[in-house]
Amino acid sequence: MLMHRPPSLIADDAAGKLRAWRFL
């Protein structure tokens, strides 16, 4: 994980990864 990263971006990134896995 990157340092100094806003929680909102972390949550958005996680959501994007979940969507990517669903579409695989």
N, C-alpha and C. Protein backbone atom coordinates (compact mmCIF):
# COMPACT_ATOMS: atom_id res chain seq x y z
N MET A 1 0.84 -1.21 0.00
CA MET A 1 0.00 0.00 0.00
C MET A 1 0.87 1.26 0.00
N LEU A 2 0.35 2.29 -0.64
CA LEU A 2 1.12 3.53 -0.70
C LEU A 2 0.87 4.37 0.55
N MET A 3 1.86 5.13 0.93
CA MET A 3 1.71 5.99 2.11
C MET A 3 1.07 7.31 1.71
N HIS A 4 0.52 7.99 2.69
CA HIS A 4 -0.10 9.31 2.46
C HIS A 4 -1.22 9.22 1.41
N ARG A 5 -2.00 8.16 1.48
CA ARG A 5 -3.09 8.00 0.50
C ARG A 5 -4.43 8.17 1.20
N PRO A 6 -5.27 9.07 0.72
CA PRO A 6 -6.58 9.32 1.34
C PRO A 6 -7.42 8.05 1.38
N PRO A 7 -8.12 7.78 2.50
CA PRO A 7 -8.97 6.59 2.64
C PRO A 7 -9.96 6.46 1.50
N SER A 8 -10.45 7.59 0.98
CA SER A 8 -11.43 7.54 -0.10
C SER A 8 -10.80 6.91 -1.35
N LEU A 9 -9.53 7.25 -1.62
CA LEU A 9 -8.88 6.68 -2.80
C LEU A 9 -8.61 5.19 -2.59
N ILE A 10 -8.25 4.82 -1.37
CA ILE A 10 -8.00 3.41 -1.07
C ILE A 10 -9.27 2.60 -1.28
N ALA A 11 -10.40 3.14 -0.79
CA ALA A 11 -11.68 2.43 -0.93
C ALA A 11 -12.06 2.36 -2.41
N ASP A 12 -11.84 3.44 -3.14
CA ASP A 12 -12.20 3.47 -4.57
C ASP A 12 -11.34 2.47 -5.33
N ASP A 13 -10.05 2.39 -5.00
CA ASP A 13 -9.14 1.46 -5.66
C ASP A 13 -9.57 0.02 -5.38
N ALA A 14 -9.95 -0.26 -4.13
CA ALA A 14 -10.38 -1.60 -3.76
C ALA A 14 -11.65 -1.97 -4.53
N ALA A 15 -12.57 -1.01 -4.63
CA ALA A 15 -13.82 -1.26 -5.36
C ALA A 15 -13.52 -1.54 -6.83
N GLY A 16 -12.58 -0.79 -7.39
CA GLY A 16 -12.21 -0.99 -8.79
C GLY A 16 -11.61 -2.37 -9.01
N LYS A 17 -10.79 -2.84 -8.06
CA LYS A 17 -10.19 -4.17 -8.18
C LYS A 17 -11.26 -5.25 -8.11
N LEU A 18 -12.24 -5.05 -7.22
CA LEU A 18 -13.33 -6.03 -7.11
C LEU A 18 -14.11 -6.09 -8.41
N ARG A 19 -14.37 -4.94 -9.03
CA ARG A 19 -15.10 -4.91 -10.30
C ARG A 19 -14.28 -5.61 -11.38
N ALA A 20 -12.98 -5.38 -11.38
CA ALA A 20 -12.11 -6.00 -12.38
C ALA A 20 -12.17 -7.52 -12.25
N TRP A 21 -12.15 -8.02 -11.03
CA TRP A 21 -12.21 -9.47 -10.82
C TRP A 21 -13.54 -10.03 -11.29
N ARG A 22 -14.62 -9.28 -11.06
CA ARG A 22 -15.95 -9.76 -11.46
C ARG A 22 -16.06 -9.86 -12.97
N PHE A 23 -15.39 -8.94 -13.69
CA PHE A 23 -15.49 -8.94 -15.14
C PHE A 23 -14.48 -9.86 -15.82
N LEU A 24 -13.60 -10.46 -15.06
CA LEU A 24 -12.60 -11.35 -15.66
C LEU A 24 -13.26 -12.63 -16.16
